[in-house]
Amino acid sequence: TDDEAVARILAAAGSAIDERGADVGI
């Protein structure tokens, strides 16, 4: 579903933020 897609994107973004802070891109 789209909700699952959004959840995966947010989880990936969250992991990237944990590693690099705001220096994350699409």
mmCIF file of all heavy atoms, coordinates in Angstrom:
data_MODEL
# 
_entry.id   MODEL 
# 
loop_
_atom_site.group_PDB 
_atom_site.id 
_atom_site.type_symbol 
_atom_site.label_atom_id 
_atom_site.label_alt_id 
_atom_site.label_comp_id 
_atom_site.label_asym_id 
_atom_site.label_entity_id 
_atom_site.label_seq_id 
_atom_site.pdbx_PDB_ins_code 
_atom_site.Cartn_x 
_atom_site.Cartn_y 
_atom_site.Cartn_z 
_atom_site.occupancy 
_atom_site.B_iso_or_equiv 
_atom_site.pdbx_formal_charge 
_atom_site.auth_seq_id 
_atom_site.auth_comp_id 
_atom_site.auth_asym_id 
_atom_site.auth_atom_id 
_atom_site.pdbx_PDB_model_num 
ATOM 1   N N   . THR A 1 1  ? 0.841  -1.199 0.000  1.00 0.00 ? 1  THR A N   1 
ATOM 2   C CA  . THR A 1 1  ? 0.000  0.000  0.000  1.00 0.00 ? 1  THR A CA  1 
ATOM 3   C C   . THR A 1 1  ? 0.876  1.249  0.000  1.00 0.00 ? 1  THR A C   1 
ATOM 4   O O   . THR A 1 1  ? 2.077  1.181  0.297  1.00 0.00 ? 1  THR A O   1 
ATOM 5   C CB  . THR A 1 1  ? -0.902 0.050  1.254  1.00 0.00 ? 1  THR A CB  1 
ATOM 6   O OG1 . THR A 1 1  ? -0.057 0.185  2.407  1.00 0.00 ? 1  THR A OG1 1 
ATOM 7   C CG2 . THR A 1 1  ? -1.772 -1.188 1.386  1.00 0.00 ? 1  THR A CG2 1 
ATOM 8   N N   . ASP A 1 2  ? 0.245  2.373  -0.289 1.00 0.00 ? 2  ASP A N   1 
ATOM 9   C CA  . ASP A 1 2  ? 0.964  3.645  -0.188 1.00 0.00 ? 2  ASP A CA  1 
ATOM 10  C C   . ASP A 1 2  ? 1.401  3.912  1.248  1.00 0.00 ? 2  ASP A C   1 
ATOM 11  O O   . ASP A 1 2  ? 2.476  4.458  1.487  1.00 0.00 ? 2  ASP A O   1 
ATOM 12  C CB  . ASP A 1 2  ? 0.093  4.798  -0.687 1.00 0.00 ? 2  ASP A CB  1 
ATOM 13  C CG  . ASP A 1 2  ? 0.023  4.865  -2.204 1.00 0.00 ? 2  ASP A CG  1 
ATOM 14  O OD1 . ASP A 1 2  ? 0.876  4.245  -2.872 1.00 0.00 ? 2  ASP A OD1 1 
ATOM 15  O OD2 . ASP A 1 2  ? -0.876 5.555  -2.726 1.00 0.00 ? 2  ASP A OD2 1 
ATOM 16  N N   . ASP A 1 3  ? 0.573  3.543  2.216  1.00 0.00 ? 3  ASP A N   1 
ATOM 17  C CA  . ASP A 1 3  ? 0.948  3.740  3.623  1.00 0.00 ? 3  ASP A CA  1 
ATOM 18  C C   . ASP A 1 3  ? 2.210  2.966  3.977  1.00 0.00 ? 3  ASP A C   1 
ATOM 19  O O   . ASP A 1 3  ? 3.085  3.464  4.694  1.00 0.00 ? 3  ASP A O   1 
ATOM 20  C CB  . ASP A 1 3  ? -0.190 3.318  4.560  1.00 0.00 ? 3  ASP A CB  1 
ATOM 21  C CG  . ASP A 1 3  ? -1.372 4.276  4.534  1.00 0.00 ? 3  ASP A CG  1 
ATOM 22  O OD1 . ASP A 1 3  ? -1.202 5.424  4.051  1.00 0.00 ? 3  ASP A OD1 1 
ATOM 23  O OD2 . ASP A 1 3  ? -2.458 3.885  4.997  1.00 0.00 ? 3  ASP A OD2 1 
ATOM 24  N N   . GLU A 1 4  ? 2.315  1.746  3.459  1.00 0.00 ? 4  GLU A N   1 
ATOM 25  C CA  . GLU A 1 4  ? 3.520  0.959  3.702  1.00 0.00 ? 4  GLU A CA  1 
ATOM 26  C C   . GLU A 1 4  ? 4.729  1.602  3.022  1.00 0.00 ? 4  GLU A C   1 
ATOM 27  O O   . GLU A 1 4  ? 5.834  1.621  3.583  1.00 0.00 ? 4  GLU A O   1 
ATOM 28  C CB  . GLU A 1 4  ? 3.348  -0.483 3.215  1.00 0.00 ? 4  GLU A CB  1 
ATOM 29  C CG  . GLU A 1 4  ? 4.558  -1.358 3.532  1.00 0.00 ? 4  GLU A CG  1 
ATOM 30  C CD  . GLU A 1 4  ? 4.437  -2.772 2.979  1.00 0.00 ? 4  GLU A CD  1 
ATOM 31  O OE1 . GLU A 1 4  ? 3.323  -3.197 2.584  1.00 0.00 ? 4  GLU A OE1 1 
ATOM 32  O OE2 . GLU A 1 4  ? 5.478  -3.449 2.946  1.00 0.00 ? 4  GLU A OE2 1 
ATOM 33  N N   . ALA A 1 5  ? 4.526  2.146  1.824  1.00 0.00 ? 5  ALA A N   1 
ATOM 34  C CA  . ALA A 1 5  ? 5.618  2.825  1.114  1.00 0.00 ? 5  ALA A CA  1 
ATOM 35  C C   . ALA A 1 5  ? 6.108  4.026  1.920  1.00 0.00 ? 5  ALA A C   1 
ATOM 36  O O   . ALA A 1 5  ? 7.314  4.210  2.108  1.00 0.00 ? 5  ALA A O   1 
ATOM 37  C CB  . ALA A 1 5  ? 5.149  3.264  -0.273 1.00 0.00 ? 5  ALA A CB  1 
ATOM 38  N N   . VAL A 1 6  ? 5.171  4.823  2.414  1.00 0.00 ? 6  VAL A N   1 
ATOM 39  C CA  . VAL A 1 6  ? 5.541  5.987  3.226  1.00 0.00 ? 6  VAL A CA  1 
ATOM 40  C C   . VAL A 1 6  ? 6.289  5.537  4.480  1.00 0.00 ? 6  VAL A C   1 
ATOM 41  O O   . VAL A 1 6  ? 7.313  6.125  4.851  1.00 0.00 ? 6  VAL A O   1 
ATOM 42  C CB  . VAL A 1 6  ? 4.287  6.821  3.588  1.00 0.00 ? 6  VAL A CB  1 
ATOM 43  C CG1 . VAL A 1 6  ? 4.601  7.848  4.671  1.00 0.00 ? 6  VAL A CG1 1 
ATOM 44  C CG2 . VAL A 1 6  ? 3.734  7.497  2.342  1.00 0.00 ? 6  VAL A CG2 1 
ATOM 45  N N   . ALA A 1 7  ? 5.796  4.489  5.134  1.00 0.00 ? 7  ALA A N   1 
ATOM 46  C CA  . ALA A 1 7  ? 6.463  3.992  6.345  1.00 0.00 ? 7  ALA A CA  1 
ATOM 47  C C   . ALA A 1 7  ? 7.896  3.560  6.048  1.00 0.00 ? 7  ALA A C   1 
ATOM 48  O O   . ALA A 1 7  ? 8.812  3.843  6.827  1.00 0.00 ? 7  ALA A O   1 
ATOM 49  C CB  . ALA A 1 7  ? 5.661  2.842  6.951  1.00 0.00 ? 7  ALA A CB  1 
ATOM 50  N N   . ARG A 1 8  ? 8.102  2.884  4.929  1.00 0.00 ? 8  ARG A N   1 
ATOM 51  C CA  . ARG A 1 8  ? 9.460  2.454  4.561  1.00 0.00 ? 8  ARG A CA  1 
ATOM 52  C C   . ARG A 1 8  ? 10.359 3.644  4.251  1.00 0.00 ? 8  ARG A C   1 
ATOM 53  O O   . ARG A 1 8  ? 11.530 3.669  4.620  1.00 0.00 ? 8  ARG A O   1 
ATOM 54  C CB  . ARG A 1 8  ? 9.419  1.517  3.356  1.00 0.00 ? 8  ARG A CB  1 
ATOM 55  C CG  . ARG A 1 8  ? 8.923  0.136  3.687  1.00 0.00 ? 8  ARG A CG  1 
ATOM 56  C CD  . ARG A 1 8  ? 9.273  -0.768 2.525  1.00 0.00 ? 8  ARG A CD  1 
ATOM 57  N NE  . ARG A 1 8  ? 8.460  -1.955 2.485  1.00 0.00 ? 8  ARG A NE  1 
ATOM 58  C CZ  . ARG A 1 8  ? 8.536  -2.850 1.513  1.00 0.00 ? 8  ARG A CZ  1 
ATOM 59  N NH1 . ARG A 1 8  ? 9.365  -2.674 0.504  1.00 0.00 ? 8  ARG A NH1 1 
ATOM 60  N NH2 . ARG A 1 8  ? 7.780  -3.919 1.530  1.00 0.00 ? 8  ARG A NH2 1 
ATOM 61  N N   . ILE A 1 9  ? 9.803  4.624  3.555  1.00 0.00 ? 9  ILE A N   1 
ATOM 62  C CA  . ILE A 1 9  ? 10.583 5.818  3.229  1.00 0.00 ? 9  ILE A CA  1 
ATOM 63  C C   . ILE A 1 9  ? 10.978 6.540  4.516  1.00 0.00 ? 9  ILE A C   1 
ATOM 64  O O   . ILE A 1 9  ? 12.137 6.949  4.686  1.00 0.00 ? 9  ILE A O   1 
ATOM 65  C CB  . ILE A 1 9  ? 9.800  6.750  2.276  1.00 0.00 ? 9  ILE A CB  1 
ATOM 66  C CG1 . ILE A 1 9  ? 9.652  6.087  0.909  1.00 0.00 ? 9  ILE A CG1 1 
ATOM 67  C CG2 . ILE A 1 9  ? 10.486 8.107  2.157  1.00 0.00 ? 9  ILE A CG2 1 
ATOM 68  C CD1 . ILE A 1 9  ? 8.660  6.788  -0.013 1.00 0.00 ? 9  ILE A CD1 1 
ATOM 69  N N   . LEU A 1 10 ? 10.029 6.688  5.436  1.00 0.00 ? 10 LEU A N   1 
ATOM 70  C CA  . LEU A 1 10 ? 10.330 7.378  6.696  1.00 0.00 ? 10 LEU A CA  1 
ATOM 71  C C   . LEU A 1 10 ? 11.341 6.597  7.531  1.00 0.00 ? 10 LEU A C   1 
ATOM 72  O O   . LEU A 1 10 ? 12.213 7.192  8.170  1.00 0.00 ? 10 LEU A O   1 
ATOM 73  C CB  . LEU A 1 10 ? 9.045  7.618  7.496  1.00 0.00 ? 10 LEU A CB  1 
ATOM 74  C CG  . LEU A 1 10 ? 8.085  8.641  6.890  1.00 0.00 ? 10 LEU A CG  1 
ATOM 75  C CD1 . LEU A 1 10 ? 6.808  8.724  7.714  1.00 0.00 ? 10 LEU A CD1 1 
ATOM 76  C CD2 . LEU A 1 10 ? 8.752  10.005 6.777  1.00 0.00 ? 10 LEU A CD2 1 
ATOM 77  N N   . ALA A 1 11 ? 11.243 5.283  7.520  1.00 0.00 ? 11 ALA A N   1 
ATOM 78  C CA  . ALA A 1 11 ? 12.220 4.465  8.257  1.00 0.00 ? 11 ALA A CA  1 
ATOM 79  C C   . ALA A 1 11 ? 13.614 4.633  7.657  1.00 0.00 ? 11 ALA A C   1 
ATOM 80  O O   . ALA A 1 11 ? 14.604 4.783  8.392  1.00 0.00 ? 11 ALA A O   1 
ATOM 81  C CB  . ALA A 1 11 ? 11.799 3.003  8.247  1.00 0.00 ? 11 ALA A CB  1 
ATOM 82  N N   . ALA A 1 12 ? 13.707 4.627  6.327  1.00 0.00 ? 12 ALA A N   1 
ATOM 83  C CA  . ALA A 1 12 ? 15.005 4.812  5.670  1.00 0.00 ? 12 ALA A CA  1 
ATOM 84  C C   . ALA A 1 12 ? 15.551 6.210  5.940  1.00 0.00 ? 12 ALA A C   1 
ATOM 85  O O   . ALA A 1 12 ? 16.749 6.380  6.208  1.00 0.00 ? 12 ALA A O   1 
ATOM 86  C CB  . ALA A 1 12 ? 14.875 4.565  4.168  1.00 0.00 ? 12 ALA A CB  1 
ATOM 87  N N   . ALA A 1 13 ? 14.679 7.202  5.885  1.00 0.00 ? 13 ALA A N   1 
ATOM 88  C CA  . ALA A 1 13 ? 15.111 8.575  6.173  1.00 0.00 ? 13 ALA A CA  1 
ATOM 89  C C   . ALA A 1 13 ? 15.560 8.691  7.629  1.00 0.00 ? 13 ALA A C   1 
ATOM 90  O O   . ALA A 1 13 ? 16.567 9.338  7.930  1.00 0.00 ? 13 ALA A O   1 
ATOM 91  C CB  . ALA A 1 13 ? 13.988 9.563  5.879  1.00 0.00 ? 13 ALA A CB  1 
ATOM 92  N N   . GLY A 1 14 ? 14.830 8.043  8.530  1.00 0.00 ? 14 GLY A N   1 
ATOM 93  C CA  . GLY A 1 14 ? 15.205 8.072  9.948  1.00 0.00 ? 14 GLY A CA  1 
ATOM 94  C C   . GLY A 1 14 ? 16.581 7.471  10.189 1.00 0.00 ? 14 GLY A C   1 
ATOM 95  O O   . GLY A 1 14 ? 17.389 8.024  10.940 1.00 0.00 ? 14 GLY A O   1 
ATOM 96  N N   . SER A 1 15 ? 16.853 6.368  9.546  1.00 0.00 ? 15 SER A N   1 
ATOM 97  C CA  . SER A 1 15 ? 18.180 5.742  9.672  1.00 0.00 ? 15 SER A CA  1 
ATOM 98  C C   . SER A 1 15 ? 19.270 6.651  9.118  1.00 0.00 ? 15 SER A C   1 
ATOM 99  O O   . SER A 1 15 ? 20.348 6.778  9.702  1.00 0.00 ? 15 SER A O   1 
ATOM 100 C CB  . SER A 1 15 ? 18.208 4.403  8.944  1.00 0.00 ? 15 SER A CB  1 
ATOM 101 O OG  . SER A 1 15 ? 17.330 3.492  9.554  1.00 0.00 ? 15 SER A OG  1 
ATOM 102 N N   . ALA A 1 16 ? 18.974 7.293  7.989  1.00 0.00 ? 16 ALA A N   1 
ATOM 103 C CA  . ALA A 1 16 ? 19.952 8.200  7.391  1.00 0.00 ? 16 ALA A CA  1 
ATOM 104 C C   . ALA A 1 16 ? 20.202 9.410  8.289  1.00 0.00 ? 16 ALA A C   1 
ATOM 105 O O   . ALA A 1 16 ? 21.339 9.866  8.440  1.00 0.00 ? 16 ALA A O   1 
ATOM 106 C CB  . ALA A 1 16 ? 19.481 8.649  6.006  1.00 0.00 ? 16 ALA A CB  1 
ATOM 107 N N   . ILE A 1 17 ? 19.142 9.932  8.910  1.00 0.00 ? 17 ILE A N   1 
ATOM 108 C CA  . ILE A 1 17 ? 19.288 11.060 9.838  1.00 0.00 ? 17 ILE A CA  1 
ATOM 109 C C   . ILE A 1 17 ? 20.120 10.636 11.043 1.00 0.00 ? 17 ILE A C   1 
ATOM 110 O O   . ILE A 1 17 ? 20.973 11.386 11.520 1.00 0.00 ? 17 ILE A O   1 
ATOM 111 C CB  . ILE A 1 17 ? 17.911 11.606 10.260 1.00 0.00 ? 17 ILE A CB  1 
ATOM 112 C CG1 . ILE A 1 17 ? 17.225 12.282 9.072  1.00 0.00 ? 17 ILE A CG1 1 
ATOM 113 C CG2 . ILE A 1 17 ? 18.043 12.575 11.431 1.00 0.00 ? 17 ILE A CG2 1 
ATOM 114 C CD1 . ILE A 1 17 ? 15.757 12.575 9.278  1.00 0.00 ? 17 ILE A CD1 1 
ATOM 115 N N   . ASP A 1 18 ? 19.890 9.421  11.551 1.00 0.00 ? 18 ASP A N   1 
ATOM 116 C CA  . ASP A 1 18 ? 20.697 8.915  12.666 1.00 0.00 ? 18 ASP A CA  1 
ATOM 117 C C   . ASP A 1 18 ? 22.181 8.928  12.314 1.00 0.00 ? 18 ASP A C   1 
ATOM 118 O O   . ASP A 1 18 ? 23.026 9.248  13.151 1.00 0.00 ? 18 ASP A O   1 
ATOM 119 C CB  . ASP A 1 18 ? 20.283 7.490  13.041 1.00 0.00 ? 18 ASP A CB  1 
ATOM 120 C CG  . ASP A 1 18 ? 18.969 7.437  13.796 1.00 0.00 ? 18 ASP A CG  1 
ATOM 121 O OD1 . ASP A 1 18 ? 18.569 8.464  14.378 1.00 0.00 ? 18 ASP A OD1 1 
ATOM 122 O OD2 . ASP A 1 18 ? 18.337 6.357  13.789 1.00 0.00 ? 18 ASP A OD2 1 
ATOM 123 N N   . GLU A 1 19 ? 22.487 8.569  11.077 1.00 0.00 ? 19 GLU A N   1 
ATOM 124 C CA  . GLU A 1 19 ? 23.887 8.491  10.647 1.00 0.00 ? 19 GLU A CA  1 
ATOM 125 C C   . GLU A 1 19 ? 24.491 9.848  10.328 1.00 0.00 ? 19 GLU A C   1 
ATOM 126 O O   . GLU A 1 19 ? 25.633 10.118 10.680 1.00 0.00 ? 19 GLU A O   1 
ATOM 127 C CB  . GLU A 1 19 ? 24.006 7.601  9.402  1.00 0.00 ? 19 GLU A CB  1 
ATOM 128 C CG  . GLU A 1 19 ? 23.755 6.137  9.659  1.00 0.00 ? 19 GLU A CG  1 
ATOM 129 C CD  . GLU A 1 19 ? 23.786 5.322  8.370  1.00 0.00 ? 19 GLU A CD  1 
ATOM 130 O OE1 . GLU A 1 19 ? 24.355 5.799  7.369  1.00 0.00 ? 19 GLU A OE1 1 
ATOM 131 O OE2 . GLU A 1 19 ? 23.235 4.208  8.373  1.00 0.00 ? 19 GLU A OE2 1 
ATOM 132 N N   . ARG A 1 20 ? 23.713 10.718 9.626  1.00 0.00 ? 20 ARG A N   1 
ATOM 133 C CA  . ARG A 1 20 ? 24.310 11.946 9.101  1.00 0.00 ? 20 ARG A CA  1 
ATOM 134 C C   . ARG A 1 20 ? 23.592 13.233 9.479  1.00 0.00 ? 20 ARG A C   1 
ATOM 135 O O   . ARG A 1 20 ? 23.946 14.298 8.974  1.00 0.00 ? 20 ARG A O   1 
ATOM 136 C CB  . ARG A 1 20 ? 24.374 11.851 7.574  1.00 0.00 ? 20 ARG A CB  1 
ATOM 137 C CG  . ARG A 1 20 ? 25.274 10.735 7.084  1.00 0.00 ? 20 ARG A CG  1 
ATOM 138 C CD  . ARG A 1 20 ? 25.543 10.784 5.602  1.00 0.00 ? 20 ARG A CD  1 
ATOM 139 N NE  . ARG A 1 20 ? 24.383 10.772 4.747  1.00 0.00 ? 20 ARG A NE  1 
ATOM 140 C CZ  . ARG A 1 20 ? 23.734 9.682  4.364  1.00 0.00 ? 20 ARG A CZ  1 
ATOM 141 N NH1 . ARG A 1 20 ? 24.113 8.506  4.788  1.00 0.00 ? 20 ARG A NH1 1 
ATOM 142 N NH2 . ARG A 1 20 ? 22.704 9.760  3.560  1.00 0.00 ? 20 ARG A NH2 1 
ATOM 143 N N   . GLY A 1 21 ? 22.582 13.179 10.320 1.00 0.00 ? 21 GLY A N   1 
ATOM 144 C CA  . GLY A 1 21 ? 21.843 14.388 10.652 1.00 0.00 ? 21 GLY A CA  1 
ATOM 145 C C   . GLY A 1 21 ? 21.061 14.896 9.457  1.00 0.00 ? 21 GLY A C   1 
ATOM 146 O O   . GLY A 1 21 ? 20.563 14.121 8.651  1.00 0.00 ? 21 GLY A O   1 
ATOM 147 N N   . ALA A 1 22 ? 20.975 16.214 9.331  1.00 0.00 ? 22 ALA A N   1 
ATOM 148 C CA  . ALA A 1 22 ? 20.173 16.822 8.260  1.00 0.00 ? 22 ALA A CA  1 
ATOM 149 C C   . ALA A 1 22 ? 20.846 16.748 6.897  1.00 0.00 ? 22 ALA A C   1 
ATOM 150 O O   . ALA A 1 22 ? 20.258 17.137 5.900  1.00 0.00 ? 22 ALA A O   1 
ATOM 151 C CB  . ALA A 1 22 ? 19.871 18.279 8.605  1.00 0.00 ? 22 ALA A CB  1 
ATOM 152 N N   . ASP A 1 23 ? 22.057 16.219 6.845  1.00 0.00 ? 23 ASP A N   1 
ATOM 153 C CA  . ASP A 1 23 ? 22.782 16.124 5.578  1.00 0.00 ? 23 ASP A CA  1 
ATOM 154 C C   . ASP A 1 23 ? 22.356 14.870 4.811  1.00 0.00 ? 23 ASP A C   1 
ATOM 155 O O   . ASP A 1 23 ? 23.151 13.984 4.518  1.00 0.00 ? 23 ASP A O   1 
ATOM 156 C CB  . ASP A 1 23 ? 24.292 16.108 5.845  1.00 0.00 ? 23 ASP A CB  1 
ATOM 157 C CG  . ASP A 1 23 ? 25.105 16.227 4.574  1.00 0.00 ? 23 ASP A CG  1 
ATOM 158 O OD1 . ASP A 1 23 ? 24.586 16.783 3.596  1.00 0.00 ? 23 ASP A OD1 1 
ATOM 159 O OD2 . ASP A 1 23 ? 26.257 15.742 4.578  1.00 0.00 ? 23 ASP A OD2 1 
ATOM 160 N N   . VAL A 1 24 ? 21.055 14.810 4.522  1.00 0.00 ? 24 VAL A N   1 
ATOM 161 C CA  . VAL A 1 24 ? 20.462 13.659 3.850  1.00 0.00 ? 24 VAL A CA  1 
ATOM 162 C C   . VAL A 1 24 ? 19.674 14.172 2.658  1.00 0.00 ? 24 VAL A C   1 
ATOM 163 O O   . VAL A 1 24 ? 19.007 15.201 2.746  1.00 0.00 ? 24 VAL A O   1 
ATOM 164 C CB  . VAL A 1 24 ? 19.507 12.902 4.813  1.00 0.00 ? 24 VAL A CB  1 
ATOM 165 C CG1 . VAL A 1 24 ? 18.771 11.803 4.087  1.00 0.00 ? 24 VAL A CG1 1 
ATOM 166 C CG2 . VAL A 1 24 ? 20.269 12.355 5.993  1.00 0.00 ? 24 VAL A CG2 1 
ATOM 167 N N   . GLY A 1 25 ? 19.746 13.464 1.557  1.00 0.00 ? 25 GLY A N   1 
ATOM 168 C CA  . GLY A 1 25 ? 18.992 13.860 0.380  1.00 0.00 ? 25 GLY A CA  1 
ATOM 169 C C   . GLY A 1 25 ? 18.056 12.756 -0.076 1.00 0.00 ? 25 GLY A C   1 
ATOM 170 O O   . GLY A 1 25 ? 18.152 11.606 0.358  1.00 0.00 ? 25 GLY A O   1 
ATOM 171 N N   . ILE A 1 26 ? 17.151 13.127 -0.957 1.00 0.00 ? 26 ILE A N   1 
ATOM 172 C CA  . ILE A 1 26 ? 16.199 12.172 -1.528 1.00 0.00 ? 26 ILE A CA  1 
ATOM 173 C C   . ILE A 1 26 ? 16.953 11.011 -2.186 1.00 0.00 ? 26 ILE A C   1 
ATOM 174 O O   . ILE A 1 26 ? 16.566 9.848  -2.062 1.00 0.00 ? 26 ILE A O   1 
ATOM 175 C CB  . ILE A 1 26 ? 15.286 12.874 -2.554 1.00 0.00 ? 26 ILE A CB  1 
ATOM 176 C CG1 . ILE A 1 26 ? 14.415 13.921 -1.877 1.00 0.00 ? 26 ILE A CG1 1 
ATOM 177 C CG2 . ILE A 1 26 ? 14.469 11.877 -3.361 1.00 0.00 ? 26 ILE A CG2 1 
ATOM 178 C CD1 . ILE A 1 26 ? 13.137 13.454 -1.265 1.00 0.00 ? 26 ILE A CD1 1 
# 
